[in-house]
Each structure stands twice: as structure tokens, then as C-alpha cells.
C-alpha atoms as a PDB file:
ATOM      1  CA  MET A   1     157.539 142.026  65.757  1.00  0.00           C
ATOM      2  CA  THR A   2     158.452 144.546  68.418  1.00  0.00           C
ATOM      3  CA  LEU A   3     158.617 143.657  72.080  1.00  0.00           C
ATOM      4  CA  GLN A   4     155.431 145.672  72.650  1.00  0.00           C
ATOM      5  CA  ALA A   5     153.623 143.790  69.849  1.00  0.00           C
ATOM      6  CA  ASN A   6     154.783 140.420  71.218  1.00  0.00           C
ATOM      7  CA  PHE A   7     153.623 141.481  74.690  1.00  0.00           C
ATOM      8  CA  GLU A   8     150.178 142.399  73.365  1.00  0.00           C
ATOM      9  CA  GLN A   9     149.989 139.094  71.546  1.00  0.00           C
ATOM     10  CA  ALA A  10     150.903 137.241  74.734  1.00  0.00           C
ATOM     11  CA  GLN A  11     148.135 139.077  76.579  1.00  0.00           C
ATOM     12  CA  ALA A  12     145.661 137.890  73.958  1.00  0.00           C
ATOM     13  CA  ASP A  13     147.133 134.349  74.110  1.00  0.00           C
ATOM     14  CA  SER A  14     146.825 134.288  77.876  1.00  0.00           C
ATOM     15  CA  LYS A  15     143.053 134.348  77.550  1.00  0.00           C
ATOM     16  CA  SER A  16     142.972 131.095  75.635  1.00  0.00           C
ATOM     17  CA  LEU A  17     145.510 128.865  77.332  1.00  0.00           C
ATOM     18  CA  PRO A  18     144.813 125.112  76.978  1.00  0.00           C
ATOM     19  CA  GLU A  19     144.318 124.817  80.792  1.00  0.00           C
ATOM     20  CA  ARG A  20     143.978 127.177  83.719  1.00  0.00           C
ATOM     21  CA  PRO A  21     147.379 127.757  85.410  1.00  0.00           C
ATOM     22  CA  ASP A  22     147.760 127.078  89.127  1.00  0.00           C
ATOM     23  CA  ASN A  23     147.415 130.026  91.552  1.00  0.00           C
ATOM     24  CA  MET A  24     151.163 130.621  91.896  1.00  0.00           C
ATOM     25  CA  THR A  25     151.536 130.834  88.152  1.00  0.00           C
ATOM     26  CA  LEU A  26     148.534 133.175  87.938  1.00  0.00           C
ATOM     27  CA  LEU A  27     150.198 135.427  90.500  1.00  0.00           C
ATOM     28  CA  LYS A  28     153.391 135.420  88.431  1.00  0.00           C
ATOM     29  CA  ILE A  29     151.461 136.331  85.304  1.00  0.00           C
ATOM     30  CA  TYR A  30     149.680 139.163  87.136  1.00  0.00           C
ATOM     31  CA  ALA A  31     152.927 140.485  88.618  1.00  0.00           C
ATOM     32  CA  LEU A  32     154.829 140.429  85.344  1.00  0.00           C
ATOM     33  CA  PHE A  33     151.932 142.159  83.578  1.00  0.00           C
ATOM     34  CA  LYS A  34     151.759 144.917  86.243  1.00  0.00           C
ATOM     35  CA  GLN A  35     155.564 145.394  86.267  1.00  0.00           C
ATOM     36  CA  ALA A  36     155.636 145.548  82.428  1.00  0.00           C
ATOM     37  CA  SER A  37     152.748 147.941  82.149  1.00  0.00           C
ATOM     38  CA  SER A  38     153.120 150.096  85.341  1.00  0.00           C
ATOM     39  CA  GLY A  39     156.621 149.652  86.655  1.00  0.00           C
ATOM     40  CA  ASP A  40     157.422 149.150  90.335  1.00  0.00           C
ATOM     41  CA  ALA A  41     154.545 148.466  92.796  1.00  0.00           C
ATOM     42  CA  GLU A  42     152.916 151.619  94.089  1.00  0.00           C
ATOM     43  CA  GLY A  43     150.537 152.518  96.828  1.00  0.00           C
ATOM     44  CA  GLU A  44     149.884 150.892 100.171  1.00  0.00           C
ATOM     45  CA  ARG A  45     150.100 147.134 100.680  1.00  0.00           C
ATOM     46  CA  PRO A  46     146.506 145.885 101.098  1.00  0.00           C
ATOM     47  CA  GLY A  47     145.464 145.014 104.634  1.00  0.00           C
ATOM     48  CA  PHE A  48     145.302 141.569 106.197  1.00  0.00           C
ATOM     49  CA  ALA A  49     141.573 141.217 105.419  1.00  0.00           C
ATOM     50  CA  ASP A  50     142.249 141.490 101.659  1.00  0.00           C
ATOM     51  CA  MET A  51     144.251 138.296 101.297  1.00  0.00           C
ATOM     52  CA  VAL A  52     143.950 138.148  97.460  1.00  0.00           C
ATOM     53  CA  GLY A  53     144.902 141.736  96.982  1.00  0.00           C
ATOM     54  CA  ARG A  54     147.774 141.355  99.388  1.00  0.00           C
ATOM     55  CA  ALA A  55     149.124 138.269  97.555  1.00  0.00           C
ATOM     56  CA  LYS A  56     148.897 140.099  94.220  1.00  0.00           C
ATOM     57  CA  TRP A  57     150.634 143.242  95.600  1.00  0.00           C
ATOM     58  CA  ASP A  58     153.375 141.094  97.197  1.00  0.00           C
ATOM     59  CA  ALA A  59     153.974 139.199  93.947  1.00  0.00           C
ATOM     60  CA  TRP A  60     154.214 142.507  92.035  1.00  0.00           C
ATOM     61  CA  ASP A  61     156.428 144.087  94.653  1.00  0.00           C
ATOM     62  CA  ALA A  62     158.791 141.137  94.458  1.00  0.00           C
ATOM     63  CA  LEU A  63     159.674 142.327  90.929  1.00  0.00           C
ATOM     64  CA  ARG A  64     160.736 145.779  92.101  1.00  0.00           C
ATOM     65  CA  GLY A  65     163.683 146.971  90.064  1.00  0.00           C
ATOM     66  CA  THR A  66     162.882 144.784  87.040  1.00  0.00           C
ATOM     67  CA  SER A  67     162.758 146.929  83.928  1.00  0.00           C
ATOM     68  CA  LYS A  68     159.527 147.116  81.928  1.00  0.00           C
ATOM     69  CA  ASP A  69     161.292 145.447  78.951  1.00  0.00           C
ATOM     70  CA  GLN A  70     162.598 142.597  81.091  1.00  0.00           C
ATOM     71  CA  ALA A  71     159.148 142.101  82.597  1.00  0.00           C
ATOM     72  CA  MET A  72     157.548 142.065  79.129  1.00  0.00           C
ATOM     73  CA  GLN A  73     159.987 139.458  77.909  1.00  0.00           C
ATOM     74  CA  GLN A  74     159.495 137.241  81.005  1.00  0.00           C
ATOM     75  CA  TYR A  75     155.710 137.582  80.554  1.00  0.00           C
ATOM     76  CA  ILE A  76     155.985 136.567  76.870  1.00  0.00           C
ATOM     77  CA  ASP A  77     158.173 133.607  77.741  1.00  0.00           C
ATOM     78  CA  LEU A  78     155.891 132.427  80.483  1.00  0.00           C
ATOM     79  CA  ILE A  79     152.789 132.570  78.309  1.00  0.00           C
ATOM     80  CA  GLU A  80     154.663 130.709  75.506  1.00  0.00           C
ATOM     81  CA  ASP A  81     155.618 127.963  78.016  1.00  0.00           C
ATOM     82  CA  LEU A  82     151.998 127.719  79.157  1.00  0.00           C
ATOM     83  CA  LYS A  83     150.694 127.448  75.602  1.00  0.00           C
ATOM     84  CA  GLY A  84     152.560 124.157  75.354  1.00  0.00           C
END
């Protein structure tokens, strides 16, 4: 399978994990997905009142400079680990 196909399979697998990951792991999943699909974080950092949006943006921005292929592979590996 290609990296893209494995990434798409990991996306599908992420919806049926045996248990819900903790919030930090969910942020990492979100950030890796955004980096793999969109590249570096764009736009303005959400304001203080939007704490969830701000945490998501910060997690994504922390991956700045990571290539889309690297982010895809890290996402795939993380979902595989979570599947058990």
C-alpha cells in the first residue's frame, strides 16, 4: 500500500479505536492529521476565549516544518499503537 492509502486507512481506523484516547493524544492525532493534509499551520492563532481552538492550533503549529509525508507516517504509527 502507498503512504497515502495507509494514511486513509489509519483515518478510518481512528474512528473505531478500542478506547477513547486522552486529550493530549487527541491533540497529537489532530495536529498530525492537519500537518499531513494541510502542511504548516496557517491563519491567526485563536483568541484566549477559544481555549479548545487555541490548544488545537498550538499543537498543529508545534509541527511546523514537518513534511506531509513525515506527518502521515507519524499519524499512521500513532493510530497503530492506539489500536493495540
